[in-house]
Structures are given as C-alpha cells and as structure tokens.
Amino acid sequence: MDRDLLLLVGLVFLPLAFVALVSAWADRRRPWAALILLAIGLGLAGWAHLTHPGGGYDWRTLPHIAAETVARYWPR
C-alpha cells in the first residue's frame, strides 16, 4: 500500500479517536474505541513517517500530499 495513503488514513483516525474519547468521557464509559482508534492512527501515521524514503514527511507539504493522493486514487 502507498505510504502517503497510509499517512492520510492514520491522520483521519486521530480526530475520530478524540471524538470517541470525549464521547466516552461524557457517558462515563471506558474509552476502548478511542484507544483502539488512537493506536491504529498513530501506528499508520508513524509507520508511514518512519519508512518514508526522504527521511519523513514535512508538515507543510501535507495539503499537497493529500491532494496528490486523492487525485491518484479517485476514479476519473
């Protein structure tokens, strides 16, 4: 799988983890779903960052990476 795609999927999971954490906190439940989403998001984004051939991603290039990856996988 493409590293850029894994980075973007991991970065999508992180806000979902935050929402699940706040929901669990408001309902006074244990945040298992939030912890799982956080682990998956950090794992995917971290692996993509650490195995990037250029030595990692620069946060200023994320909009360009997102647009390029969506254009690559979006059917024409």
PDB file of N, CA and C in Angstrom:
ATOM      1  N   MET A   1       0.842  -1.179   0.000  1.00  0.00           N
ATOM      2  CA  MET A   1       0.000   0.000   0.000  1.00  0.00           C
ATOM      3  C   MET A   1       0.889   1.244   0.000  1.00  0.00           C
ATOM      4  N   ASP A   2       0.374   2.293  -0.494  1.00  0.00           N
ATOM      5  CA  ASP A   2       1.099   3.545  -0.625  1.00  0.00           C
ATOM      6  C   ASP A   2       1.312   4.208   0.738  1.00  0.00           C
ATOM      7  N   ARG A   3       2.532   4.678   1.001  1.00  0.00           N
ATOM      8  CA  ARG A   3       2.822   5.333   2.279  1.00  0.00           C
ATOM      9  C   ARG A   3       2.003   6.599   2.471  1.00  0.00           C
ATOM     10  N   ASP A   4       1.807   7.344   1.405  1.00  0.00           N
ATOM     11  CA  ASP A   4       1.023   8.577   1.517  1.00  0.00           C
ATOM     12  C   ASP A   4      -0.419   8.271   1.919  1.00  0.00           C
ATOM     13  N   LEU A   5      -0.983   7.227   1.346  1.00  0.00           N
ATOM     14  CA  LEU A   5      -2.346   6.839   1.690  1.00  0.00           C
ATOM     15  C   LEU A   5      -2.424   6.384   3.149  1.00  0.00           C
ATOM     16  N   LEU A   6      -1.451   5.623   3.598  1.00  0.00           N
ATOM     17  CA  LEU A   6      -1.440   5.182   4.995  1.00  0.00           C
ATOM     18  C   LEU A   6      -1.306   6.363   5.946  1.00  0.00           C
ATOM     19  N   LEU A   7      -0.506   7.341   5.570  1.00  0.00           N
ATOM     20  CA  LEU A   7      -0.372   8.548   6.393  1.00  0.00           C
ATOM     21  C   LEU A   7      -1.711   9.260   6.501  1.00  0.00           C
ATOM     22  N   LEU A   8      -2.401   9.426   5.395  1.00  0.00           N
ATOM     23  CA  LEU A   8      -3.672  10.137   5.409  1.00  0.00           C
ATOM     24  C   LEU A   8      -4.746   9.369   6.177  1.00  0.00           C
ATOM     25  N   VAL A   9      -4.781   8.057   6.019  1.00  0.00           N
ATOM     26  CA  VAL A   9      -5.761   7.254   6.770  1.00  0.00           C
ATOM     27  C   VAL A   9      -5.458   7.343   8.262  1.00  0.00           C
ATOM     28  N   GLY A  10      -4.184   7.288   8.628  1.00  0.00           N
ATOM     29  CA  GLY A  10      -3.816   7.433  10.034  1.00  0.00           C
ATOM     30  C   GLY A  10      -4.194   8.789  10.584  1.00  0.00           C
ATOM     31  N   LEU A  11      -4.019   9.833   9.789  1.00  0.00           N
ATOM     32  CA  LEU A  11      -4.375  11.171  10.244  1.00  0.00           C
ATOM     33  C   LEU A  11      -5.883  11.386  10.305  1.00  0.00           C
ATOM     34  N   VAL A  12      -6.652  10.587   9.575  1.00  0.00           N
ATOM     35  CA  VAL A  12      -8.113  10.653   9.674  1.00  0.00           C
ATOM     36  C   VAL A  12      -8.585   9.968  10.954  1.00  0.00           C
ATOM     37  N   PHE A  13      -7.901   8.897  11.351  1.00  0.00           N
ATOM     38  CA  PHE A  13      -8.286   8.174  12.565  1.00  0.00           C
ATOM     39  C   PHE A  13      -8.040   8.979  13.833  1.00  0.00           C
ATOM     40  N   LEU A  14      -7.082   9.874  13.841  1.00  0.00           N
ATOM     41  CA  LEU A  14      -6.754  10.611  15.063  1.00  0.00           C
ATOM     42  C   LEU A  14      -7.877  11.527  15.548  1.00  0.00           C
ATOM     43  N   PRO A  15      -8.525  12.326  14.695  1.00  0.00           N
ATOM     44  CA  PRO A  15      -9.670  13.104  15.187  1.00  0.00           C
ATOM     45  C   PRO A  15     -10.851  12.222  15.603  1.00  0.00           C
ATOM     46  N   LEU A  16     -11.019  11.091  14.923  1.00  0.00           N
ATOM     47  CA  LEU A  16     -12.079  10.166  15.336  1.00  0.00           C
ATOM     48  C   LEU A  16     -11.806   9.610  16.725  1.00  0.00           C
ATOM     49  N   ALA A  17     -10.552   9.384  17.035  1.00  0.00           N
ATOM     50  CA  ALA A  17     -10.187   8.917  18.377  1.00  0.00           C
ATOM     51  C   ALA A  17     -10.511   9.976  19.415  1.00  0.00           C
ATOM     52  N   PHE A  18     -10.273  11.228  19.087  1.00  0.00           N
ATOM     53  CA  PHE A  18     -10.581  12.309  20.020  1.00  0.00           C
ATOM     54  C   PHE A  18     -12.078  12.402  20.276  1.00  0.00           C
ATOM     55  N   VAL A  19     -12.875  12.279  19.224  1.00  0.00           N
ATOM     56  CA  VAL A  19     -14.326  12.324  19.369  1.00  0.00           C
ATOM     57  C   VAL A  19     -14.811  11.141  20.206  1.00  0.00           C
ATOM     58  N   ALA A  20     -14.264   9.960  19.977  1.00  0.00           N
ATOM     59  CA  ALA A  20     -14.652   8.791  20.761  1.00  0.00           C
ATOM     60  C   ALA A  20     -14.239   8.946  22.223  1.00  0.00           C
ATOM     61  N   LEU A  21     -13.093   9.578  22.453  1.00  0.00           N
ATOM     62  CA  LEU A  21     -12.638   9.808  23.824  1.00  0.00           C
ATOM     63  C   LEU A  21     -13.567  10.765  24.557  1.00  0.00           C
ATOM     64  N   VAL A  22     -13.945  11.853  23.918  1.00  0.00           N
ATOM     65  CA  VAL A  22     -14.854  12.819  24.538  1.00  0.00           C
ATOM     66  C   VAL A  22     -16.224  12.190  24.775  1.00  0.00           C
ATOM     67  N   SER A  23     -16.690  11.382  23.832  1.00  0.00           N
ATOM     68  CA  SER A  23     -17.978  10.713  24.000  1.00  0.00           C
ATOM     69  C   SER A  23     -17.948   9.742  25.172  1.00  0.00           C
ATOM     70  N   ALA A  24     -16.882   8.978  25.281  1.00  0.00           N
ATOM     71  CA  ALA A  24     -16.762   8.038  26.395  1.00  0.00           C
ATOM     72  C   ALA A  24     -16.658   8.784  27.725  1.00  0.00           C
ATOM     73  N   TRP A  25     -15.951   9.878  27.727  1.00  0.00           N
ATOM     74  CA  TRP A  25     -15.812  10.672  28.949  1.00  0.00           C
ATOM     75  C   TRP A  25     -17.166  11.257  29.370  1.00  0.00           C
ATOM     76  N   ALA A  26     -17.946  11.739  28.399  1.00  0.00           N
ATOM     77  CA  ALA A  26     -19.250  12.331  28.706  1.00  0.00           C
ATOM     78  C   ALA A  26     -20.234  11.282  29.220  1.00  0.00           C
ATOM     79  N   ASP A  27     -20.138  10.054  28.700  1.00  0.00           N
ATOM     80  CA  ASP A  27     -21.031   8.982  29.129  1.00  0.00           C
ATOM     81  C   ASP A  27     -20.476   8.185  30.305  1.00  0.00           C
ATOM     82  N   ARG A  28     -19.331   8.585  30.801  1.00  0.00           N
ATOM     83  CA  ARG A  28     -18.648   7.910  31.915  1.00  0.00           C
ATOM     84  C   ARG A  28     -18.414   6.428  31.623  1.00  0.00           C
ATOM     85  N   ARG A  29     -17.902   6.187  30.401  1.00  0.00           N
ATOM     86  CA  ARG A  29     -17.538   4.839  29.978  1.00  0.00           C
ATOM     87  C   ARG A  29     -16.031   4.752  29.832  1.00  0.00           C
ATOM     88  N   ARG A  30     -15.536   3.548  29.688  1.00  0.00           N
ATOM     89  CA  ARG A  30     -14.109   3.376  29.407  1.00  0.00           C
ATOM     90  C   ARG A  30     -13.871   3.613  27.921  1.00  0.00           C
ATOM     91  N   PRO A  31     -12.821   4.316  27.566  1.00  0.00           N
ATOM     92  CA  PRO A  31     -12.613   4.728  26.166  1.00  0.00           C
ATOM     93  C   PRO A  31     -11.903   3.675  25.320  1.00  0.00           C
ATOM     94  N   TRP A  32     -12.453   2.464  25.238  1.00  0.00           N
ATOM     95  CA  TRP A  32     -11.790   1.419  24.476  1.00  0.00           C
ATOM     96  C   TRP A  32     -11.732   1.746  22.987  1.00  0.00           C
ATOM     97  N   ALA A  33     -12.803   2.208  22.421  1.00  0.00           N
ATOM     98  CA  ALA A  33     -12.815   2.540  20.990  1.00  0.00           C
ATOM     99  C   ALA A  33     -11.828   3.668  20.694  1.00  0.00           C
ATOM    100  N   ALA A  34     -11.753   4.640  21.599  1.00  0.00           N
ATOM    101  CA  ALA A  34     -10.821   5.741  21.402  1.00  0.00           C
ATOM    102  C   ALA A  34      -9.375   5.247  21.444  1.00  0.00           C
ATOM    103  N   LEU A  35      -9.091   4.343  22.356  1.00  0.00           N
ATOM    104  CA  LEU A  35      -7.729   3.820  22.447  1.00  0.00           C
ATOM    105  C   LEU A  35      -7.352   2.991  21.222  1.00  0.00           C
ATOM    106  N   ILE A  36      -8.309   2.227  20.712  1.00  0.00           N
ATOM    107  CA  ILE A  36      -8.041   1.433  19.512  1.00  0.00           C
ATOM    108  C   ILE A  36      -7.826   2.347  18.309  1.00  0.00           C
ATOM    109  N   LEU A  37      -8.685   3.346  18.150  1.00  0.00           N
ATOM    110  CA  LEU A  37      -8.517   4.294  17.044  1.00  0.00           C
ATOM    111  C   LEU A  37      -7.214   5.072  17.162  1.00  0.00           C
ATOM    112  N   LEU A  38      -6.850   5.453  18.374  1.00  0.00           N
ATOM    113  CA  LEU A  38      -5.600   6.172  18.589  1.00  0.00           C
ATOM    114  C   LEU A  38      -4.403   5.302  18.232  1.00  0.00           C
ATOM    115  N   ALA A  39      -4.437   4.037  18.636  1.00  0.00           N
ATOM    116  CA  ALA A  39      -3.330   3.128  18.322  1.00  0.00           C
ATOM    117  C   ALA A  39      -3.212   2.901  16.817  1.00  0.00           C
ATOM    118  N   ILE A  40      -4.340   2.707  16.150  1.00  0.00           N
ATOM    119  CA  ILE A  40      -4.311   2.491  14.702  1.00  0.00           C
ATOM    120  C   ILE A  40      -3.823   3.750  13.988  1.00  0.00           C
ATOM    121  N   GLY A  41      -4.356   4.908  14.368  1.00  0.00           N
ATOM    122  CA  GLY A  41      -3.962   6.158  13.717  1.00  0.00           C
ATOM    123  C   GLY A  41      -2.492   6.480  13.924  1.00  0.00           C
ATOM    124  N   LEU A  42      -2.021   6.364  15.157  1.00  0.00           N
ATOM    125  CA  LEU A  42      -0.606   6.639  15.418  1.00  0.00           C
ATOM    126  C   LEU A  42       0.291   5.598  14.759  1.00  0.00           C
ATOM    127  N   GLY A  43      -0.162   4.346  14.747  1.00  0.00           N
ATOM    128  CA  GLY A  43       0.634   3.306  14.109  1.00  0.00           C
ATOM    129  C   GLY A  43       0.783   3.518  12.615  1.00  0.00           C
ATOM    130  N   LEU A  44      -0.321   3.813  11.944  1.00  0.00           N
ATOM    131  CA  LEU A  44      -0.263   4.034  10.491  1.00  0.00           C
ATOM    132  C   LEU A  44       0.540   5.280  10.138  1.00  0.00           C
ATOM    133  N   ALA A  45       0.240   6.381  10.818  1.00  0.00           N
ATOM    134  CA  ALA A  45       0.949   7.627  10.513  1.00  0.00           C
ATOM    135  C   ALA A  45       2.421   7.518  10.900  1.00  0.00           C
ATOM    136  N   GLY A  46       2.704   6.885  12.024  1.00  0.00           N
ATOM    137  CA  GLY A  46       4.094   6.729  12.445  1.00  0.00           C
ATOM    138  C   GLY A  46       4.886   5.839  11.518  1.00  0.00           C
ATOM    139  N   TRP A  47       4.285   4.726  11.088  1.00  0.00           N
ATOM    140  CA  TRP A  47       4.986   3.833  10.174  1.00  0.00           C
ATOM    141  C   TRP A  47       5.249   4.528   8.834  1.00  0.00           C
ATOM    142  N   ALA A  48       4.256   5.245   8.332  1.00  0.00           N
ATOM    143  CA  ALA A  48       4.438   5.950   7.067  1.00  0.00           C
ATOM    144  C   ALA A  48       5.524   7.016   7.195  1.00  0.00           C
ATOM    145  N   HIS A  49       5.564   7.702   8.324  1.00  0.00           N
ATOM    146  CA  HIS A  49       6.572   8.744   8.534  1.00  0.00           C
ATOM    147  C   HIS A  49       7.971   8.147   8.665  1.00  0.00           C
ATOM    148  N   LEU A  50       8.080   7.064   9.398  1.00  0.00           N
ATOM    149  CA  LEU A  50       9.404   6.476   9.639  1.00  0.00           C
ATOM    150  C   LEU A  50       9.973   5.755   8.431  1.00  0.00           C
ATOM    151  N   THR A  51       9.124   5.225   7.567  1.00  0.00           N
ATOM    152  CA  THR A  51       9.622   4.486   6.404  1.00  0.00           C
ATOM    153  C   THR A  51       9.626   5.319   5.127  1.00  0.00           C
ATOM    154  N   HIS A  52       9.351   6.592   5.226  1.00  0.00           N
ATOM    155  CA  HIS A  52       9.364   7.464   4.047  1.00  0.00           C
ATOM    156  C   HIS A  52      10.797   7.561   3.526  1.00  0.00           C
ATOM    157  N   PRO A  53      10.990   7.405   2.213  1.00  0.00           N
ATOM    158  CA  PRO A  53      12.352   7.414   1.679  1.00  0.00           C
ATOM    159  C   PRO A  53      13.102   8.728   1.889  1.00  0.00           C
ATOM    160  N   GLY A  54      12.398   9.824   1.978  1.00  0.00           N
ATOM    161  CA  GLY A  54      13.058  11.110   2.160  1.00  0.00           C
ATOM    162  C   GLY A  54      13.409  11.411   3.605  1.00  0.00           C
ATOM    163  N   GLY A  55      13.215  10.458   4.503  1.00  0.00           N
ATOM    164  CA  GLY A  55      13.533  10.672   5.904  1.00  0.00           C
ATOM    165  C   GLY A  55      12.370  11.185   6.720  1.00  0.00           C
ATOM    166  N   GLY A  56      11.177  11.140   6.193  1.00  0.00           N
ATOM    167  CA  GLY A  56       9.997  11.605   6.920  1.00  0.00           C
ATOM    168  C   GLY A  56       9.243  12.644   6.129  1.00  0.00           C
ATOM    169  N   TYR A  57       8.088  12.993   6.626  1.00  0.00           N
ATOM    170  CA  TYR A  57       7.230  13.985   5.982  1.00  0.00           C
ATOM    171  C   TYR A  57       7.430  15.346   6.634  1.00  0.00           C
ATOM    172  N   ASP A  58       7.268  16.370   5.851  1.00  0.00           N
ATOM    173  CA  ASP A  58       7.263  17.730   6.364  1.00  0.00           C
ATOM    174  C   ASP A  58       5.801  18.158   6.465  1.00  0.00           C
ATOM    175  N   TRP A  59       5.412  18.702   7.611  1.00  0.00           N
ATOM    176  CA  TRP A  59       4.009  19.037   7.836  1.00  0.00           C
ATOM    177  C   TRP A  59       3.504  20.110   6.871  1.00  0.00           C
ATOM    178  N   ARG A  60       4.397  20.917   6.329  1.00  0.00           N
ATOM    179  CA  ARG A  60       3.966  21.948   5.373  1.00  0.00           C
ATOM    180  C   ARG A  60       3.533  21.359   4.042  1.00  0.00           C
ATOM    181  N   THR A  61       3.953  20.124   3.756  1.00  0.00           N
ATOM    182  CA  THR A  61       3.599  19.500   2.475  1.00  0.00           C
ATOM    183  C   THR A  61       2.369  18.607   2.564  1.00  0.00           C
ATOM    184  N   LEU A  62       1.735  18.524   3.723  1.00  0.00           N
ATOM    185  CA  LEU A  62       0.571  17.650   3.859  1.00  0.00           C
ATOM    186  C   LEU A  62      -0.587  18.000   2.922  1.00  0.00           C
ATOM    187  N   PRO A  63      -0.930  19.282   2.717  1.00  0.00           N
ATOM    188  CA  PRO A  63      -2.005  19.558   1.749  1.00  0.00           C
ATOM    189  C   PRO A  63      -1.671  19.071   0.336  1.00  0.00           C
ATOM    190  N   HIS A  64      -0.425  19.222  -0.064  1.00  0.00           N
ATOM    191  CA  HIS A  64      -0.004  18.748  -1.387  1.00  0.00           C
ATOM    192  C   HIS A  64      -0.064  17.219  -1.454  1.00  0.00           C
ATOM    193  N   ILE A  65       0.381  16.551  -0.397  1.00  0.00           N
ATOM    194  CA  ILE A  65       0.346  15.090  -0.351  1.00  0.00           C
ATOM    195  C   ILE A  65      -1.101  14.601  -0.391  1.00  0.00           C
ATOM    196  N   ALA A  66      -1.990  15.269   0.345  1.00  0.00           N
ATOM    197  CA  ALA A  66      -3.400  14.870   0.362  1.00  0.00           C
ATOM    198  C   ALA A  66      -4.024  15.043  -1.022  1.00  0.00           C
ATOM    199  N   ALA A  67      -3.791  16.169  -1.658  1.00  0.00           N
ATOM    200  CA  ALA A  67      -4.373  16.403  -2.984  1.00  0.00           C
ATOM    201  C   ALA A  67      -3.807  15.416  -4.005  1.00  0.00           C
ATOM    202  N   GLU A  68      -2.522  15.159  -3.936  1.00  0.00           N
ATOM    203  CA  GLU A  68      -1.889  14.234  -4.872  1.00  0.00           C
ATOM    204  C   GLU A  68      -2.397  12.803  -4.674  1.00  0.00           C
ATOM    205  N   THR A  69      -2.578  12.391  -3.436  1.00  0.00           N
ATOM    206  CA  THR A  69      -3.040  11.036  -3.156  1.00  0.00           C
ATOM    207  C   THR A  69      -4.499  10.860  -3.552  1.00  0.00           C
ATOM    208  N   VAL A  70      -5.338  11.845  -3.262  1.00  0.00           N
ATOM    209  CA  VAL A  70      -6.745  11.760  -3.666  1.00  0.00           C
ATOM    210  C   VAL A  70      -6.850  11.733  -5.181  1.00  0.00           C
ATOM    211  N   ALA A  71      -6.059  12.538  -5.865  1.00  0.00           N
ATOM    212  CA  ALA A  71      -6.094  12.542  -7.331  1.00  0.00           C
ATOM    213  C   ALA A  71      -5.610  11.214  -7.905  1.00  0.00           C
ATOM    214  N   ARG A  72      -4.688  10.559  -7.221  1.00  0.00           N
ATOM    215  CA  ARG A  72      -4.163   9.292  -7.703  1.00  0.00           C
ATOM    216  C   ARG A  72      -5.185   8.167  -7.562  1.00  0.00           C
ATOM    217  N   TYR A  73      -5.976   8.177  -6.499  1.00  0.00           N
ATOM    218  CA  TYR A  73      -6.915   7.086  -6.245  1.00  0.00           C
ATOM    219  C   TYR A  73      -8.358   7.393  -6.650  1.00  0.00           C
ATOM    220  N   TRP A  74      -8.667   8.629  -6.977  1.00  0.00           N
ATOM    221  CA  TRP A  74     -10.024   8.998  -7.381  1.00  0.00           C
ATOM    222  C   TRP A  74     -10.256   8.539  -8.824  1.00  0.00           C
ATOM    223  N   PRO A  75     -11.334   7.780  -9.070  1.00  0.00           N
ATOM    224  CA  PRO A  75     -11.577   7.327 -10.457  1.00  0.00           C
ATOM    225  C   PRO A  75     -11.970   8.510 -11.347  1.00  0.00           C
ATOM    226  N   ARG A  76     -11.451   8.497 -12.536  1.00  0.00           N
ATOM    227  CA  ARG A  76     -11.707   9.610 -13.465  1.00  0.00           C
ATOM    228  C   ARG A  76     -12.862   9.321 -14.356  1.00  0.00           C
TER     229      ARG A  76
END
